[in-house]
Amino acid sequence: MDYVKLANLLFPHIKKNPLEYEEIYPQRTLPVGAKVTRLGPSPTGFIHLGNLYGAFVDERLAHQSGGIFYLRIEDTDDKRQVEGAV
């Protein structure tokens, strides 16, 4: 299978190669064993206790290991998005 040809068919708008992306987004300088965690709630409703509990655990794991916790609001579900949610 020709993966370059397949990639060009699937992603015709992407003109950069992997090395160019590695230059734009350099590798993190985190300690060995550091955790990188995130909370990615969907904009389809209000946040609930399960989300908050998961976020708390993820934040603590990242903090205790010298890592990073990200809050990423998902933006990939426009059809089900609820006004005022998350």
Protein backbone atom coordinates (compact mmCIF):
# COMPACT_ATOMS: atom_id res chain seq x y z
CA MET A 1 0.00 0.00 0.00
CA ASP A 2 1.27 3.48 -0.87
CA TYR A 3 0.74 5.39 2.39
CA VAL A 4 1.87 8.73 0.96
CA LYS A 5 -0.74 8.47 -1.79
CA LEU A 6 -3.41 7.49 0.75
CA ALA A 7 -2.46 10.41 3.02
CA ASN A 8 -2.67 12.82 0.09
CA LEU A 9 -6.15 11.54 -0.76
CA LEU A 10 -7.39 11.79 2.84
CA PHE A 11 -5.67 15.07 3.75
CA PRO A 12 -5.10 17.10 0.57
CA HIS A 13 -4.91 20.39 2.51
CA ILE A 14 -1.88 19.32 4.59
CA LYS A 15 1.33 20.34 2.86
CA LYS A 16 3.87 19.86 5.69
CA ASN A 17 5.82 16.70 6.36
CA PRO A 18 6.26 15.12 9.83
CA LEU A 19 9.67 16.74 10.38
CA GLU A 20 8.17 20.20 9.89
CA TYR A 21 5.55 19.45 12.55
CA GLU A 22 8.25 18.23 14.94
CA GLU A 23 10.00 21.60 14.53
CA ILE A 24 6.76 23.52 15.20
CA TYR A 25 5.85 21.35 18.21
CA PRO A 26 9.08 20.36 19.96
CA GLN A 27 9.16 17.48 22.41
CA ARG A 28 8.18 18.36 25.99
CA THR A 29 10.89 18.52 28.60
CA LEU A 30 9.10 16.64 31.37
CA PRO A 31 10.66 14.48 34.07
CA VAL A 32 10.74 10.72 33.51
CA GLY A 33 7.42 9.24 34.61
CA ALA A 34 5.52 12.52 34.33
CA LYS A 35 1.85 12.17 33.42
CA VAL A 36 0.10 14.35 30.86
CA THR A 37 -3.66 14.24 31.44
CA ARG A 38 -6.71 16.11 30.23
CA LEU A 39 -10.39 16.69 30.70
CA GLY A 40 -12.23 16.90 27.39
CA PRO A 41 -15.93 17.46 28.12
CA SER A 42 -18.36 17.50 25.22
CA PRO A 43 -20.40 20.66 24.54
CA THR A 44 -23.56 18.53 24.52
CA GLY A 45 -24.62 19.22 28.09
CA PHE A 46 -23.64 20.50 31.47
CA ILE A 47 -20.67 19.08 33.34
CA HIS A 48 -21.58 16.48 35.97
CA LEU A 49 -19.97 15.00 39.08
CA GLY A 50 -18.36 12.18 37.09
CA ASN A 51 -16.51 14.75 34.96
CA LEU A 52 -15.45 16.70 38.04
CA TYR A 53 -14.21 13.58 39.83
CA GLY A 54 -12.24 12.47 36.77
CA ALA A 55 -10.78 15.95 36.35
CA PHE A 56 -9.72 16.04 40.00
CA VAL A 57 -7.99 12.65 39.77
CA ASP A 58 -6.29 13.57 36.49
CA GLU A 59 -5.10 16.94 37.81
CA ARG A 60 -3.67 15.33 40.96
CA LEU A 61 -1.87 12.59 38.98
CA ALA A 62 -0.34 15.17 36.66
CA HIS A 63 0.66 17.49 39.51
CA GLN A 64 2.17 14.74 41.68
CA SER A 65 4.23 13.33 38.81
CA GLY A 66 5.55 16.70 37.62
CA GLY A 67 3.38 16.54 34.52
CA ILE A 68 0.68 18.69 32.92
CA PHE A 69 -3.12 18.76 33.11
CA TYR A 70 -5.04 20.21 30.16
CA LEU A 71 -8.65 21.36 29.97
CA ARG A 72 -9.76 20.86 26.37
CA ILE A 73 -13.29 21.86 25.43
CA GLU A 74 -14.27 19.50 22.61
CA ASP A 75 -15.39 21.28 19.46
CA THR A 76 -16.09 18.32 17.22
CA ASP A 77 -19.80 17.76 17.90
CA ASP A 78 -21.51 20.88 16.54
CA LYS A 79 -24.71 19.03 15.67
CA ARG A 80 -25.44 18.16 19.32
CA GLN A 81 -23.96 21.30 20.91
CA VAL A 82 -26.12 22.81 23.67
CA GLU A 83 -26.11 26.60 24.11
CA GLY A 84 -24.52 27.50 27.46
CA ALA A 85 -23.12 24.02 28.08
CA VAL A 86 -19.54 23.52 29.24
